[in-house]
Amino acid sequence: MKVKHLEAMLSDVAPFAKPKVMLEQYPTSAHIASHILFTAQEQFQDIANRTVVDLGTGTGMLAIGASLMGAAHVVGVDIDDDALAIAAENVEENFEDVRPDGPLDLLRCDVRDVSRLRLHADTVLMNPPFGTKRAGADMEFVRSALLGISFPPRGGAVYSLHKTSTRKHVGEVAQRDLGALRADVVAELRYDLPKTYRFHKKESVDVSVDVWRFVVKGGARDDEDATESAGT
């Protein structure tokens, strides 16, 4: 499958019906999602035949894309029941017949409590909030991915989208505080944020974003270990 083919298929993923500003719900475009997924697979073989977790899955864009690219099992996690309902409809109505045999599960959970789910993954994908409404929300996602999910003994990878303006901060915190073995910007993209909320004055805003790949050490974690690490 070529990146343009995947992008065309993902263009059928329905967006948020009534996006919630405090959750910073902006649609992950088919263009952004397809390029993240192709970078993860073509450069690092992190999608096909892997167990993939999509943190903050929203309406399922990255989760569905990973499934279409041959992930063995995909789990989408989100706190918002309305978003999860749309994600379930997206899977059922548009992708049930074309996705691989691997299951795609949707779970409701606050990303800050993800360790309670005892998830195991080879790869984590996420497009976290930028933290404009709640400071630090972007790094809460990184913290939960690196410390709240168990990876196999060989380790795993976390892909996350962040503003280019935060590059120095993201890289330092991921390695210094959260234990990432590596923190690399593997792609630079333009995120065309459409007018979503009433207070937006422009029809769209073009934002420079980095696709990060954090290399994570392997080994199971229990809830207490994850919680203690998260508090440091």
Protein backbone atom coordinates (compact mmCIF):
# COMPACT_ATOMS: atom_id res chain seq x y z
CA MET A 1 0.00 0.00 0.00
CA LYS A 2 1.34 3.43 -0.95
CA VAL A 3 1.06 6.46 1.29
CA LYS A 4 -1.38 8.17 -1.09
CA HIS A 5 -3.58 5.07 -1.08
CA LEU A 6 -3.68 4.98 2.72
CA GLU A 7 -4.38 8.72 2.86
CA ALA A 8 -7.30 8.29 0.47
CA MET A 9 -8.76 5.47 2.56
CA LEU A 10 -8.36 7.41 5.81
CA SER A 11 -10.14 10.41 4.32
CA ASP A 12 -13.39 8.51 5.06
CA VAL A 13 -12.77 8.61 8.83
CA ALA A 14 -15.49 10.82 10.30
CA PRO A 15 -14.25 13.70 12.52
CA PHE A 16 -15.53 14.86 15.91
CA ALA A 17 -19.20 15.81 15.82
CA LYS A 18 -18.89 18.38 18.62
CA PRO A 19 -15.20 18.80 19.51
CA LYS A 20 -14.49 19.63 23.16
CA VAL A 21 -12.16 22.55 23.64
CA MET A 22 -10.83 21.50 27.06
CA LEU A 23 -9.70 18.20 25.55
CA GLU A 24 -8.14 20.11 22.64
CA GLN A 25 -9.97 17.89 20.19
CA TYR A 26 -8.65 18.69 16.73
CA PRO A 27 -8.95 16.23 13.86
CA THR A 28 -5.84 14.26 12.93
CA SER A 29 -5.93 14.66 9.16
CA ALA A 30 -5.58 11.71 6.82
CA HIS A 31 -2.46 13.38 5.46
CA ILE A 32 -0.78 13.65 8.88
CA ALA A 33 -1.83 10.15 9.95
CA SER A 34 -0.69 8.44 6.76
CA HIS A 35 2.75 10.05 6.94
CA ILE A 36 3.22 9.13 10.60
CA LEU A 37 2.24 5.53 9.88
CA PHE A 38 4.42 5.23 6.80
CA THR A 39 7.40 6.65 8.64
CA ALA A 40 6.89 4.14 11.45
CA GLN A 41 6.57 1.19 9.08
CA GLU A 42 8.88 1.95 6.17
CA GLN A 43 11.79 3.25 8.24
CA PHE A 44 11.48 1.14 11.39
CA GLN A 45 9.00 -1.75 10.73
CA ASP A 46 7.02 -0.72 13.80
CA ILE A 47 3.45 -1.32 12.52
CA ALA A 48 2.95 -4.52 10.50
CA ASN A 49 2.55 -7.62 12.68
CA ARG A 50 2.96 -5.51 15.82
CA THR A 51 0.69 -4.81 18.77
CA VAL A 52 -0.13 -1.11 18.58
CA VAL A 53 -1.72 1.20 21.16
CA ASP A 54 -3.20 4.54 20.05
CA LEU A 55 -3.36 6.86 23.08
CA GLY A 56 -6.01 9.56 22.76
CA THR A 57 -7.42 7.80 19.73
CA GLY A 58 -10.24 10.32 19.22
CA THR A 59 -12.32 9.13 16.28
CA GLY A 60 -9.84 6.37 15.50
CA MET A 61 -7.71 7.82 12.71
CA LEU A 62 -4.31 6.42 13.76
CA ALA A 63 -5.78 3.19 15.14
CA ILE A 64 -7.63 2.44 11.92
CA GLY A 65 -4.58 3.36 9.86
CA ALA A 66 -2.37 0.99 11.85
CA SER A 67 -4.88 -1.80 11.36
CA LEU A 68 -5.01 -1.14 7.61
CA MET A 69 -1.22 -1.37 7.51
CA GLY A 70 -1.24 -4.85 8.99
CA ALA A 71 -0.90 -4.42 12.75
CA ALA A 72 -1.56 -7.70 14.56
CA HIS A 73 -3.68 -6.04 17.24
CA VAL A 74 -4.66 -2.41 17.80
CA VAL A 75 -6.03 -0.82 20.97
CA GLY A 76 -7.42 2.71 20.86
CA VAL A 77 -7.70 4.50 24.22
CA ASP A 78 -9.64 7.71 24.90
CA ILE A 79 -11.39 9.43 27.80
CA ASP A 80 -14.29 10.76 25.70
CA ASP A 81 -17.32 8.52 25.22
CA ASP A 82 -18.57 10.60 22.30
CA ALA A 83 -15.28 10.27 20.43
CA LEU A 84 -15.16 6.52 21.08
CA ALA A 85 -18.69 6.15 19.73
CA ILE A 86 -17.65 7.85 16.48
CA ALA A 87 -14.51 5.70 16.34
CA ALA A 88 -16.63 2.55 16.67
CA GLU A 89 -18.89 3.77 13.87
CA ASN A 90 -15.88 4.54 11.69
CA VAL A 91 -14.61 1.00 12.11
CA GLU A 92 -17.98 -0.64 11.60
CA GLU A 93 -19.25 1.44 8.70
CA ASN A 94 -16.12 2.09 6.67
CA PHE A 95 -13.36 -0.35 7.51
CA GLU A 96 -14.76 -3.61 8.84
CA ASP A 97 -14.43 -5.37 5.48
CA VAL A 98 -11.01 -4.08 4.47
CA ARG A 99 -8.94 -4.14 7.62
CA PRO A 100 -6.73 -7.18 8.37
CA ASP A 101 -7.82 -9.99 10.65
CA GLY A 102 -6.13 -8.48 13.70
CA PRO A 103 -8.66 -7.07 16.19
CA LEU A 104 -9.17 -3.37 16.86
CA ASP A 105 -10.37 -2.69 20.39
CA LEU A 106 -11.52 0.63 21.84
CA LEU A 107 -11.17 1.34 25.57
CA ARG A 108 -12.28 4.26 27.72
CA CYS A 109 -9.60 5.52 30.07
CA ASP A 110 -7.93 8.76 31.12
CA VAL A 111 -4.45 8.65 29.61
CA ARG A 112 -3.03 9.54 33.03
CA ASP A 113 -4.46 6.26 34.38
CA VAL A 114 -3.45 4.04 31.47
CA SER A 115 -1.17 1.89 33.65
CA ARG A 116 -4.33 0.46 35.26
CA LEU A 117 -5.23 -1.17 31.93
CA ARG A 118 -2.01 -3.23 32.04
CA LEU A 119 -1.52 -2.81 28.31
CA HIS A 120 1.28 -4.49 26.42
CA ALA A 121 2.49 -3.02 23.14
CA ASP A 122 5.30 -3.06 20.64
CA THR A 123 4.42 0.41 19.39
CA VAL A 124 2.47 3.38 20.74
CA LEU A 125 1.01 6.08 18.47
CA MET A 126 -0.44 9.38 19.61
CA ASN A 127 -1.35 12.89 18.59
CA PRO A 128 -1.58 14.50 22.03
CA PRO A 129 -3.02 17.92 22.84
CA PHE A 130 -0.50 20.71 22.42
CA GLY A 131 -1.12 21.87 26.00
CA THR A 132 -2.63 25.24 25.13
CA LYS A 133 -5.67 24.75 27.39
CA ARG A 134 -3.97 22.76 30.14
CA ALA A 135 -0.27 23.28 30.51
CA GLY A 136 1.73 20.08 30.37
CA ALA A 137 -1.01 17.98 28.76
CA ASP A 138 1.29 17.11 25.86
CA MET A 139 3.97 15.64 28.12
CA GLU A 140 1.39 13.77 30.21
CA PHE A 141 0.79 11.66 27.13
CA VAL A 142 4.51 11.04 26.66
CA ARG A 143 4.85 10.14 30.34
CA SER A 144 1.97 7.66 30.17
CA ALA A 145 3.28 6.04 26.99
CA LEU A 146 6.82 5.63 28.29
CA LEU A 147 5.98 4.65 31.87
CA GLY A 148 2.44 3.27 31.83
CA ILE A 149 2.62 0.63 29.09
CA SER A 150 4.65 -2.59 29.11
CA PHE A 151 6.93 -3.34 26.17
CA PRO A 152 8.53 -6.67 25.19
CA PRO A 153 12.07 -7.51 26.34
CA ARG A 154 13.51 -6.19 23.06
CA GLY A 155 11.91 -2.81 23.79
CA GLY A 156 9.51 -0.75 21.72
CA ALA A 157 8.80 2.63 20.16
CA VAL A 158 6.50 5.56 20.85
CA TYR A 159 5.51 7.98 18.09
CA SER A 160 4.15 11.36 19.11
CA LEU A 161 3.32 14.65 17.40
CA HIS A 162 4.45 17.93 18.98
CA LYS A 163 4.92 21.54 17.98
CA THR A 164 8.37 22.16 16.55
CA SER A 165 8.69 25.13 18.92
CA THR A 166 8.77 22.66 21.85
CA ARG A 167 11.48 20.44 20.36
CA LYS A 168 14.20 21.12 22.93
CA HIS A 169 11.84 20.64 25.87
CA VAL A 170 10.26 17.44 24.56
CA GLY A 171 13.57 15.76 23.83
CA GLU A 172 15.13 16.69 27.16
CA VAL A 173 12.17 15.60 29.30
CA ALA A 174 11.70 12.30 27.44
CA GLN A 175 15.29 11.21 28.03
CA ARG A 176 16.21 12.97 31.27
CA ASP A 177 13.00 12.42 33.22
CA LEU A 178 11.04 9.66 31.51
CA GLY A 179 13.70 7.12 30.63
CA ALA A 180 13.57 7.10 26.84
CA LEU A 181 16.71 5.45 25.45
CA ARG A 182 16.53 7.64 22.36
CA ALA A 183 14.42 10.62 21.34
CA ASP A 184 14.58 11.46 17.65
CA VAL A 185 12.59 13.70 15.33
CA VAL A 186 11.94 11.37 12.40
CA ALA A 187 9.75 13.70 10.30
CA GLU A 188 8.79 17.35 10.11
CA LEU A 189 5.29 18.15 8.90
CA ARG A 190 2.88 21.05 8.51
CA TYR A 191 -0.30 20.60 10.54
CA ASP A 192 -3.15 22.53 8.96
CA LEU A 193 -5.45 23.13 11.93
CA PRO A 194 -8.94 24.00 10.69
CA LYS A 195 -11.25 26.48 12.38
CA THR A 196 -12.86 24.30 15.01
CA TYR A 197 -14.13 26.51 17.83
CA ARG A 198 -16.08 29.78 17.90
CA PHE A 199 -13.17 31.77 19.30
CA HIS A 200 -11.00 30.88 16.28
CA LYS A 201 -10.71 33.91 14.00
CA LYS A 202 -8.89 32.31 11.06
CA GLU A 203 -10.26 29.59 8.80
CA SER A 204 -7.10 27.56 9.39
CA VAL A 205 -3.68 27.85 10.99
CA ASP A 206 -0.56 26.18 9.64
CA VAL A 207 1.57 24.79 12.48
CA SER A 208 5.06 23.27 12.19
CA VAL A 209 5.10 19.90 13.96
CA ASP A 210 7.65 17.20 14.71
CA VAL A 211 7.02 13.47 14.57
CA TRP A 212 9.01 12.05 17.46
CA ARG A 213 10.17 8.46 17.86
CA PHE A 214 11.06 7.54 21.43
CA VAL A 215 12.89 4.26 21.90
CA VAL A 216 11.67 2.50 25.04
CA LYS A 217 13.42 -0.15 27.07
CA GLY A 218 11.65 -3.48 27.43
CA GLY A 219 10.36 -5.28 30.48
CA ALA A 220 7.01 -5.55 32.22
CA ARG A 221 5.91 -2.87 34.64
CA ASP A 222 3.37 -3.21 37.40
CA ASP A 223 1.01 -0.46 38.45
CA GLU A 224 3.05 0.59 41.47
CA ASP A 225 6.28 0.93 39.47
CA ALA A 226 4.58 3.01 36.81
CA THR A 227 2.93 5.24 39.39
CA GLU A 228 6.17 5.78 41.31
CA SER A 229 8.08 6.60 38.13
CA ALA A 230 5.37 9.00 37.01
CA GLY A 231 5.69 10.90 40.26
CA THR A 232 9.39 11.60 39.93
